[in-house]
């Protein structure tokens, strides 16, 4: 299953970097709000993808040949 924990790590790093800034530039608050909104959307999409992948995985595991299929080289669990 694919995961993207990097999305949260990147968002946290961006927030930390933003909080450490001392220089004020015109439009800064508007840009910060836009970035915040985009980060929330990316994190939400990442969560939706994870939920869909879990549903697909569950459905696949119900197939009678799932064990045989996943035992084949290159098809089994590839890890994160």
Protein backbone atom coordinates (compact mmCIF):
# COMPACT_ATOMS: atom_id res chain seq x y z
CA UNK A 1 0.00 0.00 0.00
CA UNK A 2 1.27 3.48 -0.86
CA UNK A 3 1.63 5.99 1.94
CA UNK A 4 2.71 9.60 1.98
CA UNK A 5 3.74 10.55 5.50
CA UNK A 6 5.92 13.14 3.82
CA UNK A 7 2.87 15.39 3.34
CA UNK A 8 2.56 15.97 7.08
CA UNK A 9 6.33 16.29 7.49
CA UNK A 10 6.50 18.89 4.73
CA UNK A 11 3.55 20.80 6.20
CA UNK A 12 5.17 20.77 9.65
CA UNK A 13 8.50 21.96 8.23
CA UNK A 14 6.79 24.76 6.30
CA UNK A 15 4.91 25.90 9.42
CA UNK A 16 8.10 25.84 11.50
CA UNK A 17 10.00 27.82 8.85
CA UNK A 18 7.18 30.35 8.56
CA UNK A 19 7.08 30.87 12.32
CA UNK A 20 10.84 31.51 12.36
CA UNK A 21 10.63 34.38 9.84
CA UNK A 22 11.09 37.94 11.06
CA UNK A 23 10.88 39.86 7.79
CA UNK A 24 7.43 41.13 6.81
CA UNK A 25 6.56 41.43 3.12
CA UNK A 26 3.44 42.80 1.42
CA UNK A 27 0.77 40.16 0.93
CA UNK A 28 2.39 37.82 3.44
CA UNK A 29 -0.81 37.07 5.34
CA UNK A 30 -2.76 36.29 2.17
CA UNK A 31 -0.03 33.95 0.92
CA UNK A 32 0.19 32.26 4.30
CA UNK A 33 -3.56 31.64 4.25
CA UNK A 34 -3.36 30.21 0.72
CA UNK A 35 -0.50 27.89 1.69
CA UNK A 36 -2.35 26.80 4.81
CA UNK A 37 -5.45 26.02 2.75
CA UNK A 38 -3.44 24.08 0.15
CA UNK A 39 -1.65 22.07 2.83
CA UNK A 40 -4.97 21.12 4.43
CA UNK A 41 -6.31 20.06 1.03
CA UNK A 42 -3.23 17.93 0.29
CA UNK A 43 -3.45 16.27 3.70
CA UNK A 44 -7.17 15.64 3.18
CA UNK A 45 -6.54 14.12 -0.25
CA UNK A 46 -3.78 11.96 1.20
CA UNK A 47 -6.25 10.67 3.81
CA UNK A 48 -8.88 9.98 1.13
CA UNK A 49 -6.33 8.08 -0.96
CA UNK A 50 -5.33 5.98 2.05
CA UNK A 51 -8.99 5.14 2.76
CA UNK A 52 -9.63 4.18 -0.88
CA UNK A 53 -6.50 2.05 -0.98
CA UNK A 54 -7.67 0.25 2.18
CA UNK A 55 -11.05 -0.44 0.56
CA UNK A 56 -9.40 -1.72 -2.62
CA UNK A 57 -7.00 -3.88 -0.62
CA UNK A 58 -9.87 -5.31 1.43
CA UNK A 59 -11.87 -6.09 -1.68
CA UNK A 60 -8.86 -7.74 -3.31
CA UNK A 61 -8.23 -9.88 -0.20
CA UNK A 62 -11.78 -11.26 -0.56
CA UNK A 63 -10.87 -12.80 -3.93
CA UNK A 64 -10.37 -16.57 -3.65
CA UNK A 65 -7.00 -16.39 -5.41
CA UNK A 66 -5.61 -13.40 -3.50
CA UNK A 67 -3.08 -15.56 -1.64
CA UNK A 68 -1.79 -17.11 -4.85
CA UNK A 69 -1.61 -13.79 -6.64
CA UNK A 70 0.30 -12.05 -3.84
CA UNK A 71 2.74 -14.97 -3.54
CA UNK A 72 4.03 -14.31 -7.06
CA UNK A 73 7.40 -12.51 -7.25
CA UNK A 74 6.95 -8.79 -7.80
CA UNK A 75 3.24 -8.82 -6.98
CA UNK A 76 3.22 -9.38 -3.23
CA UNK A 77 3.41 -6.74 -0.52
CA UNK A 78 6.04 -4.23 -1.53
CA UNK A 79 5.98 -2.36 1.80
CA UNK A 80 5.66 1.40 2.20
